PDB file of N, CA and C in Angstrom:
ATOM      1  N   MET A   1     113.426 117.833  95.886  1.00  0.00           N
ATOM      2  CA  MET A   1     113.534 117.602  97.340  1.00  0.00           C
ATOM      3  C   MET A   1     113.934 116.140  97.600  1.00  0.00           C
ATOM      4  N   ASN A   2     115.200 115.856  97.518  1.00  0.00           N
ATOM      5  CA  ASN A   2     115.665 114.489  97.759  1.00  0.00           C
ATOM      6  C   ASN A   2     116.344 114.415  99.122  1.00  0.00           C
ATOM      7  N   SER A   3     115.686 113.749 100.048  1.00  0.00           N
ATOM      8  CA  SER A   3     116.222 113.656 101.408  1.00  0.00           C
ATOM      9  C   SER A   3     116.371 112.194 101.818  1.00  0.00           C
ATOM     10  N   PRO A   4     117.536 111.814 102.307  1.00  0.00           N
ATOM     11  CA  PRO A   4     117.744 110.445 102.811  1.00  0.00           C
ATOM     12  C   PRO A   4     116.786 110.147 103.950  1.00  0.00           C
ATOM     13  N   ASP A   5     116.467 111.182 104.731  1.00  0.00           N
ATOM     14  CA  ASP A   5     115.536 111.007 105.850  1.00  0.00           C
ATOM     15  C   ASP A   5     114.162 110.633 105.309  1.00  0.00           C
ATOM     16  N   ALA A   6     113.781 111.261 104.225  1.00  0.00           N
ATOM     17  CA  ALA A   6     112.474 110.988 103.627  1.00  0.00           C
ATOM     18  C   ALA A   6     112.406 109.522 103.199  1.00  0.00           C
ATOM     19  N   GLN A   7     113.493 109.017 102.640  1.00  0.00           N
ATOM     20  CA  GLN A   7     113.512 107.622 102.196  1.00  0.00           C
ATOM     21  C   GLN A   7     113.361 106.690 103.392  1.00  0.00           C
ATOM     22  N   GLU A   8     113.975 107.072 104.498  1.00  0.00           N
ATOM     23  CA  GLU A   8     113.862 106.245 105.707  1.00  0.00           C
ATOM     24  C   GLU A   8     112.423 106.197 106.177  1.00  0.00           C
ATOM     25  N   ILE A   9     111.753 107.335 106.109  1.00  0.00           N
ATOM     26  CA  ILE A   9     110.348 107.392 106.518  1.00  0.00           C
ATOM     27  C   ILE A   9     109.514 106.486 105.624  1.00  0.00           C
ATOM     28  N   VAL A  10     109.774 106.541 104.329  1.00  0.00           N
ATOM     29  CA  VAL A  10     109.044 105.694 103.376  1.00  0.00           C
ATOM     30  C   VAL A  10     109.262 104.225 103.714  1.00  0.00           C
ATOM     31  N   ASN A  11     110.498 103.879 104.047  1.00  0.00           N
ATOM     32  CA  ASN A  11     110.793 102.488 104.397  1.00  0.00           C
ATOM     33  C   ASN A  11     109.988 102.053 105.611  1.00  0.00           C
ATOM     34  N   LYS A  12     109.877 102.935 106.583  1.00  0.00           N
ATOM     35  CA  LYS A  12     109.120 102.616 107.798  1.00  0.00           C
ATOM     36  C   LYS A  12     107.649 102.424 107.450  1.00  0.00           C
ATOM     37  N   ILE A  13     107.128 103.280 106.596  1.00  0.00           N
ATOM     38  CA  ILE A  13     105.721 103.172 106.195  1.00  0.00           C
ATOM     39  C   ILE A  13     105.501 101.856 105.451  1.00  0.00           C
ATOM     40  N   ASN A  14     106.407 101.534 104.550  1.00  0.00           N
ATOM     41  CA  ASN A  14     106.287 100.291 103.789  1.00  0.00           C
ATOM     42  C   ASN A  14     106.262  99.091 104.727  1.00  0.00           C
ATOM     43  N   GLU A  15     107.094  99.130 105.747  1.00  0.00           N
ATOM     44  CA  GLU A  15     107.119  98.033 106.721  1.00  0.00           C
ATOM     45  C   GLU A  15     105.802  97.989 107.489  1.00  0.00           C
ATOM     46  N   ALA A  16     105.266  99.154 107.788  1.00  0.00           N
ATOM     47  CA  ALA A  16     104.032  99.234 108.568  1.00  0.00           C
ATOM     48  C   ALA A  16     102.858  98.659 107.779  1.00  0.00           C
ATOM     49  N   ILE A  17     102.839  98.907 106.472  1.00  0.00           N
ATOM     50  CA  ILE A  17     101.731  98.410 105.645  1.00  0.00           C
ATOM     51  C   ILE A  17     101.991  96.973 105.213  1.00  0.00           C
ATOM     52  N   GLY A  18     103.180  96.469 105.522  1.00  0.00           N
ATOM     53  CA  GLY A  18     103.496  95.085 105.195  1.00  0.00           C
ATOM     54  C   GLY A  18     103.943  94.930 103.758  1.00  0.00           C
ATOM     55  N   ALA A  19     104.715  95.886 103.289  1.00  0.00           N
ATOM     56  CA  ALA A  19     105.216  95.805 101.921  1.00  0.00           C
ATOM     57  C   ALA A  19     106.362  94.790 101.851  1.00  0.00           C
ATOM     58  N   PRO A  20     106.448  94.083 100.746  1.00  0.00           N
ATOM     59  CA  PRO A  20     107.519  93.093 100.556  1.00  0.00           C
ATOM     60  C   PRO A  20     108.879  93.782 100.462  1.00  0.00           C
ATOM     61  N   PRO A  21     109.932  93.145 100.917  1.00  0.00           N
ATOM     62  CA  PRO A  21     111.283  93.730 100.940  1.00  0.00           C
ATOM     63  C   PRO A  21     111.828  93.977  99.532  1.00  0.00           C
TER      64      PRO A  21
END
């Protein structure tokens, strides 16, 4: 299940938790 949308969601979550770029 590889979805570009899923990756975008992960990026948003990472930003929300304050993950480094």
